[in-house]
Amino acid sequence: MREATLEERRHSAAHLMARAVKNVFEDVQVDIGPATDDGFYYDFDLPHRISPEDFPKIEAEVARLIALDEPFERKVVSREDCAKMLEGQKYKLERLADIPEGEDISTYAVGDYVEMCRGPHVERSSQIGVVKLTRVAGSYYRGDEKNKMLQRIYGIVAKDQAEMDAIIERAEEAKRRDHRRLGVELDLFHLDPEDPGQIFWHPKGWSIYVTLQDYMRRKLVKDGYREVNTPAIMPRSLWERSGHWDHYKQNMFITESEKRIFAVKPMNCPGAIEIFKSRTRSYKDLPLRLAEFGHCARNEPSGTLHGIMRVRGFVQDDAHILCTEDQIEEEVAKFCRLLKDVYSDFGFDKNLLIKLSTMPEDHVGDEATWQHAESALAAACKASGMEYEIQPGEGAFYGPKLEFTLIDALGRAWQCGTIQLDYQLPSAERLNAEYIGPDGQKHHPVMLHRAVLGSLERFIGILIEHYAGAFPFWLAPEQVRILTVNDRAADYAEKVRSVLAAEGIRVEVDASPDKLGAKIRDAALHKVSYQLVVGPRDEAAGMVSVRSRVNGDLGAMPLTDLVAKLKSEQVA
């Protein structure tokens, strides 16, 4: 018996959970139950309101079914036979009707339970391991709020109980690190339910945002980028020429003015080409690297929004490189070096995962051009010393892309960086960008779309959870807090604050009447990098007593020594 993959175990666990729910409760209608990135879920419609109190009996039934060690048996059946198998299951029958005439209908049976499913699955139920249910939530049928809300039960699988205990501990740690909770506790931002998908940044959160943006600006200047800014709202005609109107309209916020249709930009690419086209370009101008921290808006369904990691309004560390074909390899390699350099400053340079996403079904351009683009991108990636996996059919509608996935402190994968090779948008059929070549003739440039961090909002959410809110000194919203021993130290505290602030240190003073112990605890709760305790004796000696969040009590030191130490911890 071959070893089952994790996805197969998760998918098979979903089937057994559906079977278990049908065994435990009456009048159960089932819909779908896929594997997910961290487990599985299944959607149900039944009179009983499922709650976590029901989980133990469902889990016990799942465990019993796993122990039966029954085979998962695949069979291709006719539409009529499948309808008989699914008799009484209205959601399944509706899903059956979606399958085009003439297409094979795949089913999987385990014991007396039959599912219409493409698979794959484990060979026998004992391969699933241990199953635990984690939560229940509402989910509209087919994701449409006009339809009935079903009950979605989530679960996880492990090979044995020891692995399950480790998974549960990681899940608990993830809860403790949840950026939505820490964002409130640390006073970084808030989300208003009346304005879904939009972020209200508070001073401390905005400090992180600006620091991150300024950091990227310094990197871009060193790498030869020029920063631009393009309009937030552009006419329908531009989006039609670019192809976004046909392929992305459902995700665009649309408005009308003076009988013309406009859209809030969901991405920055057409604006970069318009800047390129604003004057005659020569091959000597290439590569032209245009960076933009452009604010984008996407009409994401409310049910998919998640804290600041999936929102409707966001900014990308976006850039578009217009170059010749001969420059592709060098530009991709240059980008890869920039990405690794940036990720190393956050501790993400280890275990990078890279995937090459190829032509999707919904694409523009002919297959020959796509194959050429995919080969060029693959060669450039290898030339930069990086290996990749193929991700079939996951490219953008206009071109293939390399996707860079980082691993956080909990071992979770986050796809952030990307570089996309695009022959389509600059073409005569689209936005018709041209340059004069060495032969004196007009040519179309190649366009590289790239981002290192991706959405700044999402990246900050990742950082909050990766660091558990305890940011490295250079990024911390409050780097230093000065704590007064008594009110006689207030003037000296202000003097110290002024000296540090003049050196670009983010510093606050706590001169409240609270006891020193309470001030120290509050600074620790807010994860301040350094606490400086000052009193009359410190003032007389020209010293400050320093406490580090990481290294504990550092003792007293002259203010000039402290300034030098803090400046050495800033990232260039």
Protein backbone atom coordinates (compact mmCIF):
# COMPACT_ATOMS: atom_id res chain seq x y z
CA MET A 1 0.00 0.00 0.00
CA ARG A 2 1.51 3.32 -1.08
CA GLU A 3 1.97 6.19 1.40
CA ALA A 4 -0.88 8.72 1.26
CA THR A 5 -0.19 12.41 0.79
CA LEU A 6 -1.32 14.98 3.35
CA GLU A 7 -3.87 16.38 0.89
CA GLU A 8 -5.31 12.89 0.32
CA ARG A 9 -5.59 12.30 4.06
CA ARG A 10 -7.33 15.65 4.56
CA HIS A 11 -9.73 15.11 1.66
CA SER A 12 -10.55 11.58 2.85
CA ALA A 13 -11.11 12.86 6.39
CA ALA A 14 -13.68 15.31 4.99
CA HIS A 15 -15.61 12.41 3.43
CA LEU A 16 -15.52 10.40 6.65
CA MET A 17 -16.68 13.42 8.65
CA ALA A 18 -19.64 13.85 6.29
CA ARG A 19 -20.46 10.17 6.75
CA ALA A 20 -20.10 10.51 10.53
CA VAL A 21 -22.42 13.56 10.66
CA LYS A 22 -25.03 11.62 8.68
CA ASN A 23 -24.69 8.70 11.10
CA VAL A 24 -24.98 10.88 14.22
CA PHE A 25 -27.78 13.27 13.14
CA GLU A 26 -31.01 13.00 11.18
CA ASP A 27 -32.13 14.72 7.96
CA VAL A 28 -28.61 15.69 6.91
CA GLN A 29 -28.03 17.28 3.50
CA VAL A 30 -24.38 17.45 2.41
CA ASP A 31 -22.78 19.81 -0.07
CA ILE A 32 -18.99 19.89 -0.58
CA GLY A 33 -15.94 19.09 1.53
CA PRO A 34 -12.46 19.84 0.17
CA ALA A 35 -9.00 19.73 1.67
CA THR A 36 -7.59 23.14 2.60
CA ASP A 37 -4.10 24.51 3.28
CA ASP A 38 -4.35 23.57 6.96
CA GLY A 39 -7.02 20.88 7.14
CA PHE A 40 -10.45 20.34 5.64
CA TYR A 41 -14.08 21.38 5.94
CA TYR A 42 -17.51 20.17 4.95
CA ASP A 43 -20.78 22.07 4.43
CA PHE A 44 -24.03 20.68 5.87
CA ASP A 45 -27.71 21.53 5.98
CA LEU A 46 -29.56 19.91 8.88
CA PRO A 47 -32.19 20.87 11.50
CA HIS A 48 -29.76 20.48 14.42
CA ARG A 49 -27.57 23.51 15.14
CA ILE A 50 -24.03 22.14 15.30
CA SER A 51 -21.88 23.50 18.15
CA PRO A 52 -18.46 22.61 19.59
CA GLU A 53 -20.32 20.53 22.21
CA ASP A 54 -21.21 18.14 19.37
CA PHE A 55 -17.61 17.67 18.27
CA PRO A 56 -16.67 14.80 20.64
CA LYS A 57 -19.46 12.51 19.40
CA ILE A 58 -18.72 13.34 15.75
CA GLU A 59 -14.99 12.74 16.35
CA ALA A 60 -15.75 9.41 18.06
CA GLU A 61 -17.77 8.30 15.05
CA VAL A 62 -15.00 9.40 12.68
CA ALA A 63 -12.48 7.41 14.76
CA ARG A 64 -14.73 4.34 14.57
CA LEU A 65 -14.99 4.64 10.79
CA ILE A 66 -11.21 5.07 10.44
CA ALA A 67 -10.66 1.94 12.52
CA LEU A 68 -12.85 -0.09 10.12
CA ASP A 69 -10.00 0.25 7.62
CA GLU A 70 -12.35 0.26 4.64
CA PRO A 71 -11.10 0.97 1.11
CA PHE A 72 -11.85 4.14 -0.81
CA GLU A 73 -13.07 2.83 -4.14
CA ARG A 74 -13.28 4.99 -7.26
CA LYS A 75 -15.81 4.29 -9.99
CA VAL A 76 -16.76 6.22 -13.12
CA VAL A 77 -20.53 6.07 -13.54
CA SER A 78 -23.26 7.35 -15.84
CA ARG A 79 -25.23 10.48 -15.00
CA GLU A 80 -28.30 8.35 -14.33
CA ASP A 81 -26.49 5.96 -11.98
CA CYS A 82 -24.91 8.88 -10.13
CA ALA A 83 -28.34 10.48 -9.64
CA LYS A 84 -29.59 7.22 -8.11
CA MET A 85 -26.62 7.09 -5.73
CA LEU A 86 -27.26 10.67 -4.62
CA GLU A 87 -31.04 10.32 -4.34
CA GLY A 88 -32.47 12.66 -1.70
CA GLN A 89 -29.32 14.83 -1.56
CA LYS A 90 -30.56 18.04 -3.22
CA TYR A 91 -27.26 19.95 -3.10
CA LYS A 92 -25.33 17.06 -4.61
CA LEU A 93 -27.90 16.68 -7.37
CA GLU A 94 -27.58 20.37 -8.18
CA ARG A 95 -23.80 19.95 -8.35
CA LEU A 96 -24.32 16.95 -10.63
CA ALA A 97 -26.35 19.12 -13.00
CA ASP A 98 -23.32 21.45 -13.32
CA ILE A 99 -21.21 18.72 -14.92
CA PRO A 100 -21.23 19.12 -18.73
CA GLU A 101 -22.91 16.44 -20.78
CA GLY A 102 -20.50 13.77 -21.95
CA GLU A 103 -17.97 14.38 -19.15
CA ASP A 104 -16.97 11.42 -16.97
CA ILE A 105 -18.54 11.37 -13.52
CA SER A 106 -16.15 10.12 -10.87
CA THR A 107 -17.41 8.72 -7.55
CA TYR A 108 -15.70 7.45 -4.43
CA ALA A 109 -17.27 4.96 -2.03
CA VAL A 110 -16.09 4.10 1.46
CA GLY A 111 -18.34 1.59 3.20
CA ASP A 112 -21.95 2.60 2.64
CA TYR A 113 -21.07 6.24 1.87
CA VAL A 114 -20.78 7.38 -1.76
CA GLU A 115 -19.55 10.78 -2.95
CA MET A 116 -19.36 12.36 -6.38
CA CYS A 117 -15.68 13.35 -6.33
CA ARG A 118 -12.59 13.61 -8.52
CA GLY A 119 -10.29 12.59 -5.67
CA PRO A 120 -7.59 11.71 -5.03
CA HIS A 121 -8.05 9.80 -1.77
CA VAL A 122 -6.21 7.41 0.52
CA GLU A 123 -6.39 3.73 -0.38
CA ARG A 124 -7.84 2.71 3.00
CA SER A 125 -9.43 4.72 5.80
CA SER A 126 -6.79 3.70 8.37
CA GLN A 127 -4.26 5.86 6.47
CA ILE A 128 -6.08 9.04 7.52
CA GLY A 129 -4.69 8.97 11.07
CA VAL A 130 -6.23 11.11 13.84
CA VAL A 131 -8.98 13.67 13.18
CA LYS A 132 -9.97 16.64 15.33
CA LEU A 133 -12.74 19.15 14.61
CA THR A 134 -11.76 22.75 15.23
CA ARG A 135 -14.69 25.07 14.59
CA VAL A 136 -18.05 25.57 12.93
CA ALA A 137 -19.12 28.60 10.90
CA GLY A 138 -21.85 29.72 8.53
CA SER A 139 -21.30 29.50 4.78
CA TYR A 140 -23.73 30.48 2.04
CA TYR A 141 -24.44 27.76 -0.50
CA ARG A 142 -22.24 28.36 -3.56
CA GLY A 143 -20.85 31.44 -1.76
CA ASP A 144 -23.94 33.48 -2.67
CA GLU A 145 -25.57 35.41 0.18
CA LYS A 146 -28.91 35.06 -1.61
CA ASN A 147 -28.78 31.31 -0.97
CA LYS A 148 -29.31 29.41 2.25
CA MET A 149 -26.59 29.53 4.88
CA LEU A 150 -25.12 26.09 5.54
CA GLN A 151 -23.10 24.91 8.53
CA ARG A 152 -19.40 24.52 7.74
CA ILE A 153 -17.43 22.24 10.05
CA TYR A 154 -13.64 22.53 9.96
CA GLY A 155 -11.15 19.88 11.00
CA ILE A 156 -7.49 18.88 10.99
CA VAL A 157 -5.67 15.56 10.62
CA ALA A 158 -2.47 14.11 12.06
CA LYS A 159 -0.63 10.82 11.66
CA ASP A 160 -0.89 10.10 15.39
CA GLN A 161 -1.87 11.73 18.68
CA ALA A 162 1.62 13.12 19.32
CA GLU A 163 1.54 14.96 16.00
CA MET A 164 -2.01 16.12 16.74
CA ASP A 165 -0.90 17.54 20.11
CA ALA A 166 1.86 19.48 18.33
CA ILE A 167 -0.59 20.79 15.72
CA ILE A 168 -3.01 21.91 18.44
CA GLU A 169 -0.20 23.70 20.28
CA ARG A 170 0.79 25.51 17.09
CA ALA A 171 -2.85 26.46 16.56
CA GLU A 172 -3.05 27.87 20.09
CA GLU A 173 0.15 29.80 19.50
CA ALA A 174 -1.32 31.12 16.25
CA LYS A 175 -4.33 32.40 18.22
CA ARG A 176 -2.02 34.17 20.65
CA ARG A 177 -0.25 35.77 17.69
CA ASP A 178 -3.43 36.65 15.75
CA HIS A 179 -2.77 40.05 14.17
CA ARG A 180 -6.39 41.11 14.67
CA ARG A 181 -6.11 40.69 18.43
CA LEU A 182 -2.60 42.14 18.70
CA GLY A 183 -3.55 45.02 16.43
CA VAL A 184 -6.09 46.14 19.03
CA GLU A 185 -3.95 45.33 22.09
CA LEU A 186 -0.96 47.24 20.71
CA ASP A 187 -3.15 50.08 19.40
CA LEU A 188 -1.97 49.64 15.79
CA PHE A 189 -5.22 49.76 13.81
CA HIS A 190 -8.90 48.98 13.87
CA LEU A 191 -11.46 47.64 11.41
CA ASP A 192 -14.96 49.09 11.18
CA PRO A 193 -17.73 46.58 10.34
CA GLU A 194 -19.59 49.35 8.52
CA ASP A 195 -16.63 49.79 6.17
CA PRO A 196 -15.51 46.21 5.47
CA GLY A 197 -12.06 45.60 4.06
CA GLN A 198 -10.72 49.07 4.92
CA ILE A 199 -8.11 49.76 7.59
CA PHE A 200 -8.00 52.62 10.07
CA TRP A 201 -4.33 52.95 10.96
CA HIS A 202 -3.56 54.39 14.40
CA PRO A 203 -0.34 56.34 15.03
CA LYS A 204 1.71 53.31 16.11
CA GLY A 205 0.47 51.14 13.26
CA TRP A 206 1.06 53.89 10.74
CA SER A 207 4.58 54.28 12.10
CA ILE A 208 5.26 50.65 11.12
CA TYR A 209 3.68 51.27 7.72
CA VAL A 210 5.75 54.37 6.96
CA THR A 211 8.96 52.78 8.27
CA LEU A 212 8.41 49.76 6.02
CA GLN A 213 7.63 51.96 3.01
CA ASP A 214 10.69 54.17 3.58
CA TYR A 215 12.85 51.06 3.97
CA MET A 216 11.65 49.77 0.59
CA ARG A 217 12.22 53.19 -1.00
CA ARG A 218 15.87 53.12 0.06
CA LYS A 219 16.26 49.65 -1.45
CA LEU A 220 14.61 50.74 -4.71
CA VAL A 221 16.81 53.81 -5.12
CA LYS A 222 19.92 51.63 -4.73
CA ASP A 223 18.57 49.22 -7.35
CA GLY A 224 17.93 51.88 -9.99
CA TYR A 225 14.16 52.32 -9.72
CA ARG A 226 12.32 55.59 -10.29
CA GLU A 227 9.21 56.15 -8.21
CA VAL A 228 6.00 57.30 -9.92
CA ASN A 229 2.36 57.75 -8.99
CA THR A 230 -0.66 57.19 -11.22
CA PRO A 231 -4.37 58.09 -10.88
CA ALA A 232 -6.58 56.08 -8.55
CA ILE A 233 -9.49 56.22 -11.01
CA MET A 234 -9.07 55.47 -14.72
CA PRO A 235 -11.57 55.27 -17.62
CA ARG A 236 -13.26 52.10 -18.77
CA SER A 237 -11.63 52.50 -22.21
CA LEU A 238 -8.16 52.02 -20.69
CA TRP A 239 -9.24 48.92 -18.75
CA GLU A 240 -10.82 47.51 -21.90
CA ARG A 241 -7.62 47.98 -23.90
CA SER A 242 -5.54 46.40 -21.13
CA GLY A 243 -7.87 43.39 -20.93
CA HIS A 244 -8.76 43.91 -17.28
CA TRP A 245 -12.36 44.85 -18.09
CA ASP A 246 -13.07 41.43 -19.60
CA HIS A 247 -11.03 39.42 -17.12
CA TYR A 248 -11.35 41.35 -13.84
CA LYS A 249 -14.45 43.55 -13.97
CA GLN A 250 -16.24 41.62 -11.21
CA ASN A 251 -13.52 42.68 -8.77
CA MET A 252 -13.48 46.37 -9.73
CA PHE A 253 -15.26 49.27 -8.05
CA ILE A 254 -17.00 51.14 -10.88
CA THR A 255 -18.28 54.71 -10.96
CA GLU A 256 -19.74 57.12 -13.50
CA SER A 257 -19.06 60.78 -14.20
CA GLU A 258 -20.36 62.96 -17.05
CA LYS A 259 -21.84 59.89 -18.76
CA ARG A 260 -18.47 58.10 -18.76
CA ILE A 261 -17.62 54.89 -16.89
CA PHE A 262 -14.54 54.81 -14.67
CA ALA A 263 -13.05 52.20 -12.36
CA VAL A 264 -10.97 52.50 -9.21
CA LYS A 265 -7.73 50.77 -10.11
CA PRO A 266 -7.36 47.22 -8.81
CA MET A 267 -3.73 47.23 -9.99
CA ASN A 268 -1.12 49.69 -11.21
CA CYS A 269 0.13 48.14 -14.47
CA PRO A 270 -1.78 50.22 -17.08
CA GLY A 271 -0.66 53.44 -15.40
CA ALA A 272 3.01 52.44 -15.70
CA ILE A 273 2.60 51.86 -19.44
CA GLU A 274 0.87 55.22 -19.86
CA ILE A 275 3.92 56.87 -18.28
CA PHE A 276 6.20 54.92 -20.62
CA LYS A 277 4.15 56.10 -23.60
CA SER A 278 4.16 59.76 -22.54
CA ARG A 279 7.21 60.48 -24.70
CA THR A 280 9.34 58.80 -27.34
CA ARG A 281 11.56 56.11 -25.82
CA SER A 282 14.82 54.71 -27.14
CA TYR A 283 16.43 51.33 -26.51
CA LYS A 284 19.01 53.36 -24.57
CA ASP A 285 16.27 54.16 -22.00
CA LEU A 286 15.81 50.47 -21.24
CA PRO A 287 15.48 48.87 -18.83
CA LEU A 288 13.12 51.45 -17.34
CA ARG A 289 12.23 50.49 -13.76
CA LEU A 290 9.10 52.31 -12.54
CA ALA A 291 8.16 51.76 -8.90
CA GLU A 292 4.82 52.79 -7.43
CA PHE A 293 3.30 52.54 -3.97
CA GLY A 294 -0.09 52.76 -5.63
CA HIS A 295 -3.29 52.45 -3.63
CA CYS A 296 -5.51 49.77 -5.18
CA ALA A 297 -9.09 48.70 -4.47
CA ARG A 298 -10.62 45.32 -5.18
CA ASN A 299 -14.23 44.39 -4.58
CA GLU A 300 -13.53 41.23 -2.60
CA PRO A 301 -16.58 39.33 -1.27
CA SER A 302 -17.13 40.23 2.39
CA GLY A 303 -16.90 36.58 3.41
CA THR A 304 -13.31 36.35 2.16
CA LEU A 305 -12.01 39.38 4.08
CA HIS A 306 -9.58 38.60 6.90
CA GLY A 307 -8.22 41.29 9.20
CA ILE A 308 -5.58 43.33 7.35
CA MET A 309 -4.38 40.30 5.39
CA ARG A 310 -7.22 40.31 2.89
CA VAL A 311 -8.82 43.70 2.40
CA ARG A 312 -10.49 45.83 -0.24
CA GLY A 313 -8.11 48.78 -0.06
CA PHE A 314 -4.35 48.18 -0.08
CA VAL A 315 -0.97 49.37 -1.33
CA GLN A 316 1.61 47.19 -3.07
CA ASP A 317 5.36 47.72 -3.28
CA ASP A 318 4.72 47.53 -6.98
CA ALA A 319 7.10 48.06 -9.87
CA HIS A 320 7.05 47.55 -13.61
CA ILE A 321 10.22 47.01 -15.59
CA LEU A 322 10.04 47.71 -19.31
CA CYS A 323 12.94 46.09 -21.10
CA THR A 324 14.10 44.24 -24.18
CA GLU A 325 14.02 40.45 -24.48
CA ASP A 326 17.80 40.37 -24.11
CA GLN A 327 17.48 42.08 -20.70
CA ILE A 328 14.91 39.68 -19.18
CA GLU A 329 17.38 37.26 -17.62
CA GLU A 330 19.51 40.00 -16.04
CA GLU A 331 16.46 41.87 -14.69
CA VAL A 332 14.89 38.75 -13.17
CA ALA A 333 18.20 37.80 -11.56
CA LYS A 334 18.57 41.36 -10.24
CA PHE A 335 15.07 41.18 -8.76
CA CYS A 336 15.81 37.83 -7.12
CA ARG A 337 18.87 39.33 -5.42
CA LEU A 338 16.80 42.28 -4.17
CA LEU A 339 14.10 39.97 -2.84
CA LYS A 340 16.59 37.78 -0.95
CA ASP A 341 18.28 40.87 0.49
CA VAL A 342 14.97 42.28 1.75
CA TYR A 343 13.73 38.99 3.16
CA SER A 344 16.99 38.49 5.05
CA ASP A 345 16.37 41.72 6.99
CA PHE A 346 13.17 40.14 8.33
CA GLY A 347 14.69 36.70 8.92
CA PHE A 348 12.77 35.18 5.99
CA ASP A 349 15.75 34.32 3.78
CA LYS A 350 15.77 30.63 4.82
CA ASN A 351 13.53 27.99 3.21
CA LEU A 352 12.18 30.19 0.43
CA LEU A 353 9.77 28.31 -1.85
CA ILE A 354 9.60 29.33 -5.52
CA LYS A 355 6.94 28.30 -8.02
CA LEU A 356 6.64 28.97 -11.74
CA SER A 357 2.97 29.51 -12.58
CA THR A 358 2.05 28.71 -16.17
CA MET A 359 -0.76 29.60 -18.61
CA PRO A 360 -4.29 29.53 -17.12
CA GLU A 361 -7.45 28.68 -19.05
CA ASP A 362 -8.56 32.32 -18.92
CA HIS A 363 -5.69 34.01 -20.76
CA VAL A 364 -4.89 36.44 -23.53
CA GLY A 365 -2.35 35.79 -26.27
CA ASP A 366 -1.49 32.66 -28.26
CA GLU A 367 0.08 29.51 -26.85
CA ALA A 368 3.36 29.96 -28.73
CA THR A 369 3.94 33.34 -27.06
CA TRP A 370 3.07 31.85 -23.68
CA GLN A 371 5.49 28.96 -24.13
CA HIS A 372 8.23 31.39 -25.10
CA ALA A 373 7.49 33.56 -22.03
CA GLU A 374 7.48 30.58 -19.68
CA SER A 375 10.82 29.33 -21.05
CA ALA A 376 12.38 32.79 -20.70
CA LEU A 377 11.25 33.14 -17.09
CA ALA A 378 12.42 29.63 -16.19
CA ALA A 379 15.86 30.25 -17.70
CA ALA A 380 16.21 33.56 -15.83
CA CYS A 381 15.25 31.92 -12.53
CA LYS A 382 17.85 29.18 -12.96
CA ALA A 383 20.47 31.73 -14.01
CA SER A 384 19.94 33.51 -10.68
CA GLY A 385 20.73 30.27 -8.83
CA MET A 386 17.19 29.51 -7.69
CA GLU A 387 15.23 26.30 -8.16
CA TYR A 388 11.48 26.26 -8.70
CA GLU A 389 8.44 24.00 -8.91
CA ILE A 390 5.91 24.15 -11.74
CA GLN A 391 2.44 25.37 -10.75
CA PRO A 392 0.30 24.51 -13.81
CA GLY A 393 -2.44 26.91 -14.88
CA GLU A 394 -1.84 29.46 -12.11
CA GLY A 395 -0.33 32.30 -14.16
CA ALA A 396 -1.90 35.74 -14.54
CA PHE A 397 -4.22 36.11 -17.52
CA TYR A 398 -1.50 38.08 -19.35
CA GLY A 399 1.61 36.05 -18.56
CA PRO A 400 3.50 33.46 -16.47
CA LYS A 401 5.01 34.35 -13.13
CA LEU A 402 7.46 33.31 -10.44
CA GLU A 403 5.95 33.28 -6.96
CA PHE A 404 8.08 33.47 -3.81
CA THR A 405 6.74 31.97 -0.59
CA LEU A 406 8.30 32.69 2.80
CA ILE A 407 7.99 30.59 5.96
CA ASP A 408 7.10 32.31 9.26
CA ALA A 409 7.98 31.50 12.88
CA LEU A 410 5.14 28.95 13.08
CA GLY A 411 6.17 27.18 9.89
CA ARG A 412 3.31 28.67 7.87
CA ALA A 413 3.78 29.51 4.20
CA TRP A 414 2.96 32.97 2.82
CA GLN A 415 3.21 33.81 -0.86
CA CYS A 416 4.40 37.41 -1.05
CA GLY A 417 6.95 38.17 -3.74
CA THR A 418 6.24 37.74 -7.44
CA ILE A 419 7.67 38.61 -10.82
CA GLN A 420 5.51 38.23 -13.91
CA LEU A 421 6.66 38.26 -17.53
CA ASP A 422 4.21 40.02 -19.82
CA TYR A 423 4.29 40.26 -23.60
CA GLN A 424 0.61 41.21 -23.77
CA LEU A 425 0.01 44.62 -22.17
CA PRO A 426 2.77 46.45 -24.10
CA SER A 427 1.68 44.86 -27.41
CA ALA A 428 -0.04 46.61 -30.31
CA GLU A 429 -3.20 44.64 -29.52
CA ARG A 430 -3.30 46.05 -25.96
CA LEU A 431 -1.68 49.30 -24.78
CA ASN A 432 0.81 49.64 -27.64
CA ALA A 433 3.98 50.69 -25.83
CA GLU A 434 6.86 51.30 -28.23
CA TYR A 435 10.52 52.22 -28.25
CA ILE A 436 12.98 53.00 -31.06
CA GLY A 437 15.50 50.17 -31.44
CA PRO A 438 19.12 50.37 -32.62
CA ASP A 439 17.77 49.64 -36.13
CA GLY A 440 15.74 52.87 -36.05
CA GLN A 441 12.49 50.87 -36.09
CA LYS A 442 9.67 50.73 -33.52
CA HIS A 443 9.57 47.74 -31.16
CA HIS A 444 7.38 46.68 -28.25
CA PRO A 445 9.13 46.26 -24.87
CA VAL A 446 8.64 43.31 -22.57
CA MET A 447 7.04 44.17 -19.23
CA LEU A 448 8.03 42.62 -15.90
CA HIS A 449 5.48 43.12 -13.11
CA ARG A 450 7.11 42.58 -9.73
CA ALA A 451 6.58 42.98 -5.99
CA VAL A 452 8.76 41.95 -3.06
CA LEU A 453 6.40 42.38 -0.12
CA GLY A 454 3.14 42.29 -2.08
CA SER A 455 0.41 44.15 -0.23
CA LEU A 456 1.99 46.24 2.55
CA GLU A 457 -1.12 45.67 4.66
CA ARG A 458 -0.89 41.90 4.33
CA PHE A 459 2.86 41.89 4.91
CA ILE A 460 2.45 43.88 8.12
CA GLY A 461 -0.19 41.36 9.25
CA ILE A 462 2.32 38.57 8.57
CA LEU A 463 5.01 40.44 10.51
CA ILE A 464 2.73 41.00 13.50
CA GLU A 465 2.10 37.26 13.75
CA HIS A 466 5.68 36.26 12.91
CA TYR A 467 7.11 38.49 15.66
CA ALA A 468 4.07 38.06 17.97
CA GLY A 469 3.89 41.86 18.04
CA ALA A 470 7.47 42.20 19.32
CA PHE A 471 9.00 43.90 16.30
CA PRO A 472 12.75 44.17 15.78
CA PHE A 473 14.10 47.49 16.99
CA TRP A 474 14.36 49.16 13.56
CA LEU A 475 10.68 48.47 12.81
CA ALA A 476 9.15 48.86 16.28
CA PRO A 477 6.53 51.64 16.48
CA GLU A 478 7.78 52.60 19.94
CA GLN A 479 11.51 51.98 20.12
CA VAL A 480 12.14 53.64 23.47
CA ARG A 481 9.94 54.59 26.40
CA ILE A 482 11.35 56.82 29.13
CA LEU A 483 9.99 56.07 32.60
CA THR A 484 10.27 58.70 35.33
CA VAL A 485 10.98 57.61 38.90
CA ASN A 486 9.06 60.65 40.22
CA ASP A 487 7.79 64.02 39.01
CA ARG A 488 11.17 65.66 39.69
CA ALA A 489 12.59 63.66 36.77
CA ALA A 490 10.07 64.99 34.22
CA ASP A 491 12.34 67.73 32.85
CA TYR A 492 15.28 65.36 32.44
CA ALA A 493 13.01 62.80 30.75
CA GLU A 494 11.96 65.44 28.23
CA LYS A 495 15.60 66.38 27.61
CA VAL A 496 16.48 62.73 26.93
CA ARG A 497 13.45 62.40 24.66
CA SER A 498 14.53 65.44 22.63
CA VAL A 499 18.04 64.07 22.14
CA LEU A 500 16.77 60.67 20.98
CA ALA A 501 14.04 62.11 18.76
CA ALA A 502 16.61 64.35 17.05
CA GLU A 503 18.48 61.16 16.10
CA GLY A 504 15.34 59.70 14.50
CA ILE A 505 14.50 57.37 17.39
CA ARG A 506 10.77 56.78 18.02
CA VAL A 507 10.48 57.61 21.70
CA GLU A 508 7.74 58.32 24.24
CA VAL A 509 7.76 59.50 27.86
CA ASP A 510 5.70 57.97 30.68
CA ALA A 511 5.66 60.69 33.34
CA SER A 512 2.38 59.49 34.85
CA PRO A 513 1.94 59.30 38.63
CA ASP A 514 1.86 55.47 38.47
CA LYS A 515 4.44 53.50 40.42
CA LEU A 516 7.58 52.53 38.52
CA GLY A 517 6.66 48.83 38.58
CA ALA A 518 3.36 49.56 36.85
CA LYS A 519 5.13 51.65 34.21
CA ILE A 520 7.60 48.85 33.53
CA ARG A 521 4.79 46.30 33.16
CA ASP A 522 2.85 48.56 30.79
CA ALA A 523 5.93 49.09 28.58
CA ALA A 524 6.49 45.34 28.51
CA LEU A 525 2.84 44.68 27.54
CA HIS A 526 3.22 47.12 24.65
CA LYS A 527 6.44 45.36 23.61
CA VAL A 528 8.59 48.51 23.70
CA SER A 529 12.15 47.71 22.62
CA TYR A 530 13.96 49.70 25.34
CA GLN A 531 12.87 51.19 28.64
CA LEU A 532 14.92 54.04 30.12
CA VAL A 533 14.43 54.67 33.82
CA VAL A 534 15.42 58.19 34.82
CA GLY A 535 15.50 59.96 38.16
CA PRO A 536 17.32 62.87 39.84
CA ARG A 537 20.49 60.77 40.32
CA ASP A 538 20.59 59.85 36.64
CA GLU A 539 20.26 63.52 35.72
CA ALA A 540 23.11 64.50 38.03
CA ALA A 541 25.36 61.83 36.49
CA GLY A 542 24.20 62.41 32.90
CA MET A 543 23.20 58.75 32.69
CA VAL A 544 20.15 56.62 31.90
CA SER A 545 19.27 53.18 33.28
CA VAL A 546 18.56 50.91 30.32
CA ARG A 547 16.35 47.84 30.13
CA SER A 548 16.11 45.84 26.88
CA ARG A 549 13.03 43.83 25.94
CA VAL A 550 15.34 41.14 24.55
CA ASN A 551 18.37 41.18 26.88
CA GLY A 552 16.93 42.46 30.14
CA ASP A 553 18.68 44.96 32.45
CA LEU A 554 21.70 46.58 30.77
CA GLY A 555 22.52 48.89 33.65
CA ALA A 556 23.29 52.60 33.52
CA MET A 557 25.11 54.20 30.59
CA PRO A 558 25.87 57.69 29.32
CA LEU A 559 23.26 59.09 26.96
CA THR A 560 25.85 59.42 24.16
CA ASP A 561 26.67 55.69 24.41
CA LEU A 562 22.98 54.82 24.30
CA VAL A 563 22.46 56.92 21.16
CA ALA A 564 25.35 55.15 19.43
CA LYS A 565 23.99 51.75 20.45
CA LEU A 566 20.48 52.49 19.19
CA LYS A 567 21.68 53.93 15.89
CA SER A 568 23.74 50.78 15.28
CA GLU A 569 20.55 48.70 15.48
CA GLN A 570 18.76 50.59 12.72
CA VAL A 571 18.57 48.84 9.35
CA ALA A 572 20.19 50.77 6.50
